[in-house]
Amino acid sequence: MATQNQYIDLKKQLKKLCFEIRGNRNILKNAQRKGTADWETHAHLSDSRWEFRHKHIIASLLRGKTREQIEQYVRPGNELNETYLKKLSLEYEIENGIEREAYNAAQIIRS
């Protein structure tokens, strides 16, 4: 399991990403109003949102929540990158958290 310092560092990363998303969203909205929106700002905003979503799920798993409690519904085409989640789970030492969730989901489907 992750140490308290690792969890605090993850929370700091989430806050930083949150401020990046908020700032880039405002920049993009203003540029769109002026008609000067560029693809780089949009791409950076999308990348920040993607990273925030995955790290938020890892932080929630560290707090003991299940995937169903974190995201009840995922739109088709907006699935998570399981490879990146596994990489983060290894980094934050979640003991087979991703695989355990998949196993539990399979057990529910079978019953």
Protein backbone atom coordinates (compact mmCIF):
# COMPACT_ATOMS: atom_id res chain seq x y z
CA MET A 1 0.00 0.00 0.00
CA ALA A 2 1.15 3.52 -0.68
CA THR A 3 2.67 5.53 2.10
CA GLN A 4 1.05 8.64 3.44
CA ASN A 5 3.70 10.80 1.73
CA GLN A 6 2.94 9.18 -1.64
CA TYR A 7 -0.77 9.84 -1.14
CA ILE A 8 -0.10 13.48 -0.23
CA ASP A 9 2.11 13.86 -3.32
CA LEU A 10 -0.67 12.39 -5.45
CA LYS A 11 -3.17 14.86 -3.98
CA LYS A 12 -0.76 17.72 -4.78
CA GLN A 13 -0.48 16.48 -8.36
CA LEU A 14 -4.28 16.39 -8.59
CA LYS A 15 -4.53 19.97 -7.32
CA LYS A 16 -1.91 21.13 -9.79
CA LEU A 17 -3.74 19.42 -12.64
CA CYS A 18 -7.01 20.95 -11.46
CA PHE A 19 -5.55 24.46 -11.67
CA GLU A 20 -4.04 23.68 -15.09
CA ILE A 21 -7.39 22.46 -16.37
CA ARG A 22 -9.21 25.48 -15.01
CA GLY A 23 -6.67 27.93 -16.45
CA ASN A 24 -6.50 26.24 -19.86
CA ARG A 25 -10.28 26.03 -20.04
CA ASN A 26 -10.57 29.77 -19.45
CA ILE A 27 -7.86 30.51 -22.02
CA LEU A 28 -9.57 28.26 -24.56
CA LYS A 29 -13.00 29.80 -23.96
CA ASN A 30 -11.66 33.33 -24.38
CA ALA A 31 -9.80 32.33 -27.55
CA GLN A 32 -12.93 30.70 -28.94
CA ARG A 33 -14.93 33.86 -28.30
CA LYS A 34 -12.34 35.87 -30.21
CA GLY A 35 -12.08 33.25 -32.93
CA THR A 36 -8.39 32.65 -32.29
CA ALA A 37 -8.53 29.20 -30.64
CA ASP A 38 -5.57 26.98 -31.48
CA TRP A 39 -5.24 23.21 -31.34
CA GLU A 40 -2.32 23.27 -28.86
CA THR A 41 -4.42 24.73 -26.05
CA HIS A 42 -7.20 22.26 -26.75
CA ALA A 43 -4.77 19.32 -26.87
CA HIS A 44 -3.10 20.38 -23.61
CA LEU A 45 -6.51 20.70 -21.93
CA SER A 46 -7.52 17.23 -23.13
CA ASP A 47 -4.24 15.71 -21.93
CA SER A 48 -4.60 17.33 -18.50
CA ARG A 49 -8.19 16.09 -18.15
CA TRP A 50 -7.17 12.58 -19.18
CA GLU A 51 -4.31 12.46 -16.66
CA PHE A 52 -6.49 13.94 -13.89
CA ARG A 53 -9.19 11.34 -14.44
CA HIS A 54 -6.78 8.41 -14.16
CA LYS A 55 -4.93 9.80 -11.14
CA HIS A 56 -8.23 10.62 -9.43
CA ILE A 57 -9.28 6.99 -9.82
CA ILE A 58 -6.01 5.79 -8.30
CA ALA A 59 -6.40 8.23 -5.38
CA SER A 60 -9.94 6.96 -4.80
CA LEU A 61 -8.77 3.34 -4.91
CA LEU A 62 -6.13 4.23 -2.31
CA ARG A 63 -8.91 5.54 -0.07
CA GLY A 64 -10.67 2.17 -0.40
CA LYS A 65 -13.41 2.97 -2.89
CA THR A 66 -14.41 0.57 -5.64
CA ARG A 67 -14.46 1.41 -9.34
CA GLU A 68 -18.27 1.30 -9.31
CA GLN A 69 -18.33 3.93 -6.56
CA ILE A 70 -15.91 6.16 -8.48
CA GLU A 71 -17.51 5.98 -11.93
CA GLN A 72 -20.97 4.48 -12.11
CA TYR A 73 -21.32 4.91 -15.87
CA VAL A 74 -18.74 5.32 -18.61
CA ARG A 75 -19.88 6.47 -22.03
CA PRO A 76 -18.94 4.28 -24.98
CA GLY A 77 -15.67 5.49 -26.45
CA ASN A 78 -14.65 7.13 -23.14
CA GLU A 79 -13.20 4.04 -21.49
CA LEU A 80 -10.20 4.22 -19.22
CA ASN A 81 -6.71 3.27 -20.31
CA GLU A 82 -6.25 0.11 -18.25
CA THR A 83 -2.53 -0.06 -19.08
CA TYR A 84 -1.94 3.39 -17.60
CA LEU A 85 -4.05 2.50 -14.54
CA LYS A 86 -1.96 -0.64 -13.99
CA LYS A 87 1.22 1.44 -14.27
CA LEU A 88 -0.09 3.90 -11.68
CA SER A 89 -1.28 1.09 -9.42
CA LEU A 90 2.24 -0.37 -9.45
CA GLU A 91 3.73 3.07 -8.79
CA TYR A 92 1.46 3.65 -5.79
CA GLU A 93 1.67 0.01 -4.68
CA ILE A 94 -1.99 -0.84 -4.91
CA GLU A 95 -1.89 -4.58 -4.38
CA ASN A 96 -3.58 -5.89 -7.50
CA GLY A 97 -6.26 -3.24 -7.11
CA ILE A 98 -7.08 -3.09 -10.79
CA GLU A 99 -7.09 -6.87 -11.23
CA ARG A 100 -9.14 -7.32 -8.03
CA GLU A 101 -11.79 -4.92 -9.36
CA ALA A 102 -11.94 -6.83 -12.66
CA TYR A 103 -12.22 -10.12 -10.77
CA ASN A 104 -15.04 -8.79 -8.59
CA ALA A 105 -16.90 -7.53 -11.65
CA ALA A 106 -16.53 -10.92 -13.31
CA GLN A 107 -17.88 -12.66 -10.19
CA ILE A 108 -20.93 -10.39 -10.14
CA ILE A 109 -21.62 -11.10 -13.83
CA ARG A 110 -21.33 -14.86 -13.31
CA SER A 111 -23.78 -14.92 -10.40
